[in-house]
Amino acid sequence: MKASVDEGNQAAEDRFSAIADGAPTQADYDAKYGSDEGNAALVNQAVEGLGSDLSKYVDGTDDTLTGVVDDMQSWGQSMMPTVPAPSCTPLVFAPGEVYSFTIDCEIFDLIRDALAWIMYALTAYVVITTMFNARPH
């Protein structure tokens, strides 16, 4: 029995050594894929190049995306309406008559500021009441 086990072990060992003998050597790998040192140098060079490209993207010195960003910015600005510059002229009622009167620009500014304050106060009131009314009772 021991002899048959030894023969089986020897046969398995012979098969594994035949497989190992047929495997490529380190010289074969180096010839096909290059040496470890050469590959490490190529990888380091590629990483350094990518790092410099990335730093150009981050600090804004790269012009690859500049044209795209400028085109998108000009397209977005073309979609926005042009707003006229603010100006004010006094409002005159019944000019030249005895009962004519004028509302100056300062009055319009005061009315606009008062309405803005009322809108801010109402917005705060609505937000706060909504927040407290949303709680479960």
N, C-alpha and C. Protein backbone atom coordinates (compact mmCIF):
# COMPACT_ATOMS: atom_id res chain seq x y z
N MET A 1 0.82 -1.18 0.00
CA MET A 1 0.00 0.00 0.00
C MET A 1 0.87 1.26 0.00
N LYS A 2 1.95 1.18 0.82
CA LYS A 2 2.83 2.33 0.90
C LYS A 2 3.50 2.56 -0.44
N ALA A 3 3.80 1.52 -1.13
CA ALA A 3 4.45 1.65 -2.42
C ALA A 3 3.53 2.31 -3.43
N SER A 4 2.23 1.99 -3.40
CA SER A 4 1.31 2.60 -4.35
C SER A 4 1.11 4.09 -4.04
N VAL A 5 1.13 4.42 -2.75
CA VAL A 5 1.01 5.85 -2.38
C VAL A 5 2.26 6.58 -2.82
N ASP A 6 3.41 5.99 -2.63
CA ASP A 6 4.64 6.63 -3.06
C ASP A 6 4.67 6.79 -4.58
N GLU A 7 4.17 5.81 -5.31
CA GLU A 7 4.12 5.92 -6.76
C GLU A 7 3.17 7.04 -7.19
N GLY A 8 2.02 7.15 -6.50
CA GLY A 8 1.07 8.23 -6.82
C GLY A 8 1.67 9.60 -6.53
N ASN A 9 2.37 9.70 -5.42
CA ASN A 9 3.04 10.98 -5.09
C ASN A 9 4.11 11.31 -6.10
N GLN A 10 4.88 10.30 -6.50
CA GLN A 10 5.93 10.52 -7.48
C GLN A 10 5.34 10.93 -8.83
N ALA A 11 4.20 10.33 -9.21
CA ALA A 11 3.56 10.69 -10.48
C ALA A 11 3.05 12.12 -10.45
N ALA A 12 2.45 12.51 -9.31
CA ALA A 12 1.96 13.90 -9.18
C ALA A 12 3.13 14.87 -9.20
N GLU A 13 4.22 14.50 -8.54
CA GLU A 13 5.40 15.36 -8.52
C GLU A 13 5.99 15.50 -9.91
N ASP A 14 6.02 14.43 -10.66
CA ASP A 14 6.53 14.47 -12.04
C ASP A 14 5.65 15.37 -12.92
N ARG A 15 4.34 15.30 -12.73
CA ARG A 15 3.44 16.14 -13.52
C ARG A 15 3.64 17.63 -13.19
N PHE A 16 3.72 17.93 -11.89
CA PHE A 16 3.93 19.33 -11.49
C PHE A 16 5.28 19.85 -11.96
N SER A 17 6.30 19.02 -11.91
CA SER A 17 7.62 19.50 -12.37
C SER A 17 7.62 19.67 -13.88
N ALA A 18 6.85 18.85 -14.61
CA ALA A 18 6.75 19.03 -16.06
C ALA A 18 6.04 20.34 -16.39
N ILE A 19 5.00 20.65 -15.60
CA ILE A 19 4.30 21.92 -15.81
C ILE A 19 5.24 23.08 -15.49
N ALA A 20 5.99 22.97 -14.40
CA ALA A 20 6.90 24.04 -14.01
C ALA A 20 8.04 24.19 -15.02
N ASP A 21 8.51 23.08 -15.60
CA ASP A 21 9.58 23.17 -16.59
C ASP A 21 9.10 23.84 -17.86
N GLY A 22 7.79 23.70 -18.19
CA GLY A 22 7.26 24.29 -19.40
C GLY A 22 6.83 25.75 -19.20
N ALA A 23 6.84 26.23 -17.96
CA ALA A 23 6.42 27.61 -17.68
C ALA A 23 7.48 28.59 -18.16
N PRO A 24 7.07 29.80 -18.55
CA PRO A 24 8.06 30.77 -18.99
C PRO A 24 8.96 31.22 -17.84
N THR A 25 10.15 31.59 -18.19
CA THR A 25 11.11 32.05 -17.19
C THR A 25 11.00 33.56 -17.02
N GLN A 26 11.72 34.09 -16.06
CA GLN A 26 11.73 35.53 -15.84
C GLN A 26 12.27 36.27 -17.06
N ALA A 27 13.22 35.66 -17.74
CA ALA A 27 13.77 36.27 -18.96
C ALA A 27 12.71 36.35 -20.04
N ASP A 28 11.84 35.33 -20.12
CA ASP A 28 10.75 35.36 -21.10
C ASP A 28 9.78 36.51 -20.79
N TYR A 29 9.44 36.65 -19.51
CA TYR A 29 8.55 37.76 -19.12
C TYR A 29 9.18 39.11 -19.40
N ASP A 30 10.47 39.25 -19.09
CA ASP A 30 11.15 40.52 -19.34
C ASP A 30 11.22 40.85 -20.82
N ALA A 31 11.41 39.81 -21.64
CA ALA A 31 11.48 40.04 -23.08
C ALA A 31 10.11 40.47 -23.63
N LYS A 32 9.03 39.89 -23.08
CA LYS A 32 7.71 40.20 -23.59
C LYS A 32 7.15 41.50 -23.01
N TYR A 33 7.30 41.72 -21.71
CA TYR A 33 6.65 42.86 -21.04
C TYR A 33 7.62 43.93 -20.55
N GLY A 34 8.90 43.69 -20.63
CA GLY A 34 9.88 44.64 -20.13
C GLY A 34 10.26 44.33 -18.69
N SER A 35 11.35 44.91 -18.25
CA SER A 35 11.83 44.62 -16.90
C SER A 35 11.03 45.41 -15.87
N ASP A 36 11.14 45.00 -14.61
CA ASP A 36 10.43 45.69 -13.54
C ASP A 36 10.91 47.14 -13.40
N GLU A 37 12.21 47.36 -13.53
CA GLU A 37 12.74 48.71 -13.40
C GLU A 37 12.26 49.62 -14.53
N GLY A 38 12.25 49.07 -15.75
CA GLY A 38 11.79 49.86 -16.90
C GLY A 38 10.31 50.20 -16.79
N ASN A 39 9.51 49.22 -16.36
CA ASN A 39 8.08 49.48 -16.19
C ASN A 39 7.83 50.49 -15.08
N ALA A 40 8.59 50.40 -13.99
CA ALA A 40 8.43 51.36 -12.90
C ALA A 40 8.77 52.77 -13.37
N ALA A 41 9.78 52.91 -14.20
CA ALA A 41 10.15 54.22 -14.72
C ALA A 41 9.03 54.78 -15.61
N LEU A 42 8.44 53.93 -16.45
CA LEU A 42 7.33 54.37 -17.31
C LEU A 42 6.12 54.81 -16.49
N VAL A 43 5.81 54.04 -15.46
CA VAL A 43 4.67 54.38 -14.60
C VAL A 43 4.93 55.70 -13.88
N ASN A 44 6.13 55.86 -13.34
CA ASN A 44 6.46 57.12 -12.65
C ASN A 44 6.38 58.31 -13.59
N GLN A 45 6.85 58.14 -14.81
CA GLN A 45 6.79 59.22 -15.78
C GLN A 45 5.34 59.58 -16.11
N ALA A 46 4.49 58.57 -16.27
CA ALA A 46 3.08 58.82 -16.58
C ALA A 46 2.38 59.51 -15.41
N VAL A 47 2.68 59.07 -14.19
CA VAL A 47 2.05 59.69 -13.02
C VAL A 47 2.50 61.13 -12.87
N GLU A 48 3.78 61.41 -13.11
CA GLU A 48 4.24 62.79 -13.01
C GLU A 48 3.58 63.67 -14.06
N GLY A 49 3.41 63.14 -15.27
CA GLY A 49 2.73 63.90 -16.31
C GLY A 49 1.29 64.18 -15.96
N LEU A 50 0.59 63.18 -15.43
CA LEU A 50 -0.80 63.37 -15.03
C LEU A 50 -0.92 64.35 -13.87
N GLY A 51 0.06 64.30 -12.95
CA GLY A 51 0.03 65.24 -11.83
C GLY A 51 0.18 66.67 -12.29
N SER A 52 1.05 66.91 -13.27
CA SER A 52 1.22 68.27 -13.77
C SER A 52 -0.03 68.71 -14.53
N ASP A 53 -0.66 67.77 -15.28
CA ASP A 53 -1.91 68.12 -15.96
C ASP A 53 -3.00 68.46 -14.96
N LEU A 54 -3.09 67.68 -13.90
CA LEU A 54 -4.10 67.93 -12.88
C LEU A 54 -3.87 69.27 -12.21
N SER A 55 -2.63 69.58 -11.90
CA SER A 55 -2.36 70.88 -11.27
C SER A 55 -2.68 72.03 -12.22
N LYS A 56 -2.51 71.82 -13.52
CA LYS A 56 -2.90 72.87 -14.47
C LYS A 56 -4.41 73.05 -14.48
N TYR A 57 -5.15 71.94 -14.39
CA TYR A 57 -6.62 72.05 -14.33
C TYR A 57 -7.04 72.80 -13.07
N VAL A 58 -6.40 72.48 -11.96
CA VAL A 58 -6.81 73.07 -10.68
C VAL A 58 -6.47 74.55 -10.61
N ASP A 59 -5.27 74.93 -11.03
CA ASP A 59 -4.91 76.34 -10.89
C ASP A 59 -5.36 77.20 -12.06
N GLY A 60 -5.98 76.60 -13.06
CA GLY A 60 -6.57 77.37 -14.14
C GLY A 60 -5.64 77.75 -15.27
N THR A 61 -4.43 77.19 -15.31
CA THR A 61 -3.50 77.54 -16.38
C THR A 61 -3.68 76.67 -17.61
N ASP A 62 -4.48 75.62 -17.52
CA ASP A 62 -4.73 74.76 -18.68
C ASP A 62 -5.85 75.37 -19.52
N ASP A 63 -5.67 75.36 -20.83
CA ASP A 63 -6.67 75.98 -21.70
C ASP A 63 -7.51 74.95 -22.45
N THR A 64 -7.52 73.70 -22.01
CA THR A 64 -8.31 72.67 -22.67
C THR A 64 -9.80 72.96 -22.55
N LEU A 65 -10.24 73.31 -21.36
CA LEU A 65 -11.66 73.53 -21.12
C LEU A 65 -12.06 75.00 -21.22
N THR A 66 -11.10 75.88 -21.44
CA THR A 66 -11.41 77.31 -21.46
C THR A 66 -12.40 77.65 -22.56
N GLY A 67 -12.20 77.11 -23.74
CA GLY A 67 -13.11 77.39 -24.85
C GLY A 67 -14.52 76.90 -24.58
N VAL A 68 -14.61 75.71 -23.97
CA VAL A 68 -15.93 75.15 -23.67
C VAL A 68 -16.63 76.01 -22.62
N VAL A 69 -15.89 76.40 -21.59
CA VAL A 69 -16.48 77.21 -20.52
C VAL A 69 -16.88 78.57 -21.06
N ASP A 70 -16.05 79.18 -21.91
CA ASP A 70 -16.39 80.48 -22.48
C ASP A 70 -17.64 80.39 -23.36
N ASP A 71 -17.73 79.32 -24.15
CA ASP A 71 -18.92 79.13 -24.99
C ASP A 71 -20.18 78.97 -24.16
N MET A 72 -20.08 78.18 -23.09
CA MET A 72 -21.25 77.98 -22.23
C MET A 72 -21.63 79.27 -21.52
N GLN A 73 -20.64 80.04 -21.11
CA GLN A 73 -20.91 81.30 -20.43
C GLN A 73 -21.58 82.29 -21.38
N SER A 74 -21.10 82.38 -22.59
CA SER A 74 -21.71 83.31 -23.54
C SER A 74 -23.11 82.83 -23.92
N TRP A 75 -23.33 81.50 -24.02
CA TRP A 75 -24.66 81.00 -24.31
C TRP A 75 -25.62 81.31 -23.17
N GLY A 76 -25.17 81.14 -21.94
CA GLY A 76 -26.01 81.44 -20.79
C GLY A 76 -26.34 82.92 -20.70
N GLN A 77 -25.37 83.76 -20.99
CA GLN A 77 -25.63 85.19 -20.95
C GLN A 77 -26.56 85.62 -22.08
N SER A 78 -26.52 84.91 -23.21
CA SER A 78 -27.43 85.27 -24.29
C SER A 78 -28.86 84.90 -23.96
N MET A 79 -29.06 83.94 -23.06
CA MET A 79 -30.42 83.55 -22.66
C MET A 79 -31.03 84.53 -21.65
N MET A 80 -30.20 85.26 -20.96
CA MET A 80 -30.69 86.20 -19.95
C MET A 80 -31.13 87.50 -20.62
N PRO A 81 -32.26 88.04 -20.21
CA PRO A 81 -32.69 89.32 -20.79
C PRO A 81 -31.81 90.46 -20.29
N THR A 82 -31.66 91.46 -21.10
CA THR A 82 -30.90 92.63 -20.67
C THR A 82 -31.82 93.53 -19.85
N VAL A 83 -31.37 93.87 -18.68
CA VAL A 83 -32.15 94.69 -17.77
C VAL A 83 -31.66 96.13 -17.93
N PRO A 84 -32.57 97.06 -18.12
CA PRO A 84 -32.13 98.45 -18.27
C PRO A 84 -31.58 98.98 -16.95
N ALA A 85 -30.73 99.96 -17.07
CA ALA A 85 -30.16 100.59 -15.88
C ALA A 85 -31.27 101.33 -15.13
N PRO A 86 -31.25 101.26 -13.80
CA PRO A 86 -32.31 101.94 -13.05
C PRO A 86 -32.20 103.45 -13.21
N SER A 87 -33.35 104.06 -13.43
CA SER A 87 -33.41 105.51 -13.52
C SER A 87 -34.74 105.97 -12.96
N CYS A 88 -34.80 107.21 -12.58
CA CYS A 88 -36.03 107.72 -11.99
C CYS A 88 -36.26 109.14 -12.50
N THR A 89 -37.49 109.38 -12.86
CA THR A 89 -37.90 110.74 -13.22
C THR A 89 -39.10 111.09 -12.35
N PRO A 90 -39.16 112.31 -11.87
CA PRO A 90 -40.29 112.70 -11.02
C PRO A 90 -41.61 112.57 -11.79
N LEU A 91 -42.64 112.17 -11.07
CA LEU A 91 -43.96 111.99 -11.65
C LEU A 91 -44.77 113.25 -11.40
N VAL A 92 -45.20 113.89 -12.49
CA VAL A 92 -45.92 115.16 -12.38
C VAL A 92 -47.37 114.92 -12.78
N PHE A 93 -48.30 115.30 -11.90
CA PHE A 93 -49.73 115.20 -12.19
C PHE A 93 -50.26 116.58 -12.57
N ALA A 94 -50.97 116.66 -13.67
CA ALA A 94 -51.59 117.88 -14.18
C ALA A 94 -50.58 119.01 -14.29
N PRO A 95 -49.58 118.82 -15.13
CA PRO A 95 -48.55 119.86 -15.25
C PRO A 95 -49.15 121.17 -15.81
N GLY A 96 -48.73 122.26 -15.23
CA GLY A 96 -49.17 123.58 -15.67
C GLY A 96 -50.47 124.03 -15.05
N GLU A 97 -51.16 123.19 -14.31
CA GLU A 97 -52.42 123.56 -13.68
C GLU A 97 -52.15 124.05 -12.26
N VAL A 98 -53.12 124.69 -11.70
CA VAL A 98 -53.01 125.22 -10.34
C VAL A 98 -52.91 124.08 -9.34
N TYR A 99 -53.61 123.01 -9.60
CA TYR A 99 -53.66 121.88 -8.66
C TYR A 99 -52.64 120.79 -9.00
N SER A 100 -51.63 121.09 -9.82
CA SER A 100 -50.62 120.09 -10.18
C SER A 100 -49.72 119.81 -8.98
N PHE A 101 -49.25 118.59 -8.93
CA PHE A 101 -48.28 118.22 -7.89
C PHE A 101 -47.30 117.21 -8.46
N THR A 102 -46.14 117.08 -7.80
CA THR A 102 -45.04 116.24 -8.27
C THR A 102 -44.64 115.27 -7.17
N ILE A 103 -44.46 114.02 -7.56
CA ILE A 103 -43.91 113.03 -6.63
C ILE A 103 -42.46 112.82 -7.02
N ASP A 104 -41.57 113.16 -6.08
CA ASP A 104 -40.13 113.07 -6.35
C ASP A 104 -39.64 111.62 -6.24
N CYS A 105 -38.43 111.39 -6.73
CA CYS A 105 -37.83 110.06 -6.73
C CYS A 105 -37.59 109.55 -5.31
N GLU A 106 -37.34 110.45 -4.37
CA GLU A 106 -37.10 110.03 -2.99
C GLU A 106 -38.33 109.35 -2.42
N ILE A 107 -39.52 109.79 -2.80
CA ILE A 107 -40.76 109.19 -2.33
C ILE A 107 -40.89 107.77 -2.91
N PHE A 108 -40.57 107.61 -4.19
CA PHE A 108 -40.63 106.28 -4.79
C PHE A 108 -39.65 105.32 -4.11
N ASP A 109 -38.45 105.82 -3.79
CA ASP A 109 -37.47 105.00 -3.09
C ASP A 109 -37.98 104.60 -1.70
N LEU A 110 -38.62 105.54 -1.01
CA LEU A 110 -39.17 105.26 0.31
C LEU A 110 -40.28 104.21 0.22
N ILE A 111 -41.15 104.33 -0.77
CA ILE A 111 -42.22 103.35 -0.96
C ILE A 111 -41.65 101.98 -1.30
N ARG A 112 -40.65 101.94 -2.17
CA ARG A 112 -40.03 100.67 -2.54
C ARG A 112 -39.37 100.01 -1.33
N ASP A 113 -38.66 100.81 -0.51
CA ASP A 113 -38.02 100.26 0.68
C ASP A 113 -39.04 99.75 1.69
N ALA A 114 -40.16 100.47 1.86
CA ALA A 114 -41.19 100.04 2.80
C ALA A 114 -41.84 98.74 2.32
N LEU A 115 -42.13 98.64 1.04
CA LEU A 115 -42.72 97.41 0.51
C LEU A 115 -41.75 96.23 0.62
N ALA A 116 -40.48 96.48 0.41
CA ALA A 116 -39.47 95.42 0.55
C ALA A 116 -39.42 94.93 1.99
N TRP A 117 -39.47 95.86 2.96
CA TRP A 117 -39.44 95.46 4.37
C TRP A 117 -40.68 94.65 4.71
N ILE A 118 -41.83 95.05 4.21
CA ILE A 118 -43.07 94.31 4.48
C ILE A 118 -42.97 92.90 3.89
N MET A 119 -42.42 92.77 2.68
CA MET A 119 -42.28 91.44 2.07
C MET A 119 -41.31 90.56 2.86
N TYR A 120 -40.21 91.14 3.35
CA TYR A 120 -39.27 90.37 4.17
C TYR A 120 -39.94 89.90 5.45
N ALA A 121 -40.68 90.79 6.10
CA ALA A 121 -41.35 90.43 7.35
C ALA A 121 -42.39 89.35 7.11
N LEU A 122 -43.18 89.46 6.06
CA LEU A 122 -44.19 88.44 5.76
C LEU A 122 -43.54 87.10 5.42
N THR A 123 -42.43 87.14 4.70
CA THR A 123 -41.72 85.90 4.38
C THR A 123 -41.22 85.22 5.64
N ALA A 124 -40.62 85.99 6.55
CA ALA A 124 -40.15 85.42 7.81
C ALA A 124 -41.33 84.85 8.61
N TYR A 125 -42.45 85.56 8.65
CA TYR A 125 -43.63 85.10 9.38
C TYR A 125 -44.14 83.77 8.79
N VAL A 126 -44.23 83.69 7.47
CA VAL A 126 -44.73 82.47 6.84
C VAL A 126 -43.78 81.30 7.09
N VAL A 127 -42.49 81.52 7.00
CA VAL A 127 -41.52 80.45 7.23
C VAL A 127 -41.61 79.95 8.66
N ILE A 128 -41.67 80.88 9.62
CA ILE A 128 -41.70 80.48 11.03
C ILE A 128 -43.01 79.78 11.36
N THR A 129 -44.15 80.31 10.90
CA THR A 129 -45.41 79.64 11.21
C THR A 129 -45.51 78.28 10.52
N THR A 130 -44.99 78.15 9.33
CA THR A 130 -44.98 76.85 8.66
C THR A 130 -44.13 75.86 9.42
N MET A 131 -43.00 76.32 9.92
CA MET A 131 -42.10 75.45 10.66
C MET A 131 -42.75 74.95 11.95
N PHE A 132 -43.43 75.83 12.68
CA PHE A 132 -44.04 75.42 13.94
C PHE A 132 -45.35 74.68 13.73
N ASN A 133 -46.08 74.93 12.66
CA ASN A 133 -47.31 74.22 12.41
C ASN A 133 -47.06 72.83 11.85
N ALA A 134 -45.90 72.56 11.34
CA ALA A 134 -45.59 71.25 10.76
C ALA A 134 -45.29 70.20 11.83
N ARG A 135 -45.12 70.62 13.09
CA ARG A 135 -44.83 69.66 14.15
C ARG A 135 -46.06 68.82 14.46
N PRO A 136 -45.86 67.58 14.78
CA PRO A 136 -47.02 66.79 15.21
C PRO A 136 -47.46 67.24 16.60
N HIS A 137 -48.74 67.22 16.84
CA HIS A 137 -49.27 67.69 18.13
C HIS A 137 -49.34 66.58 19.12
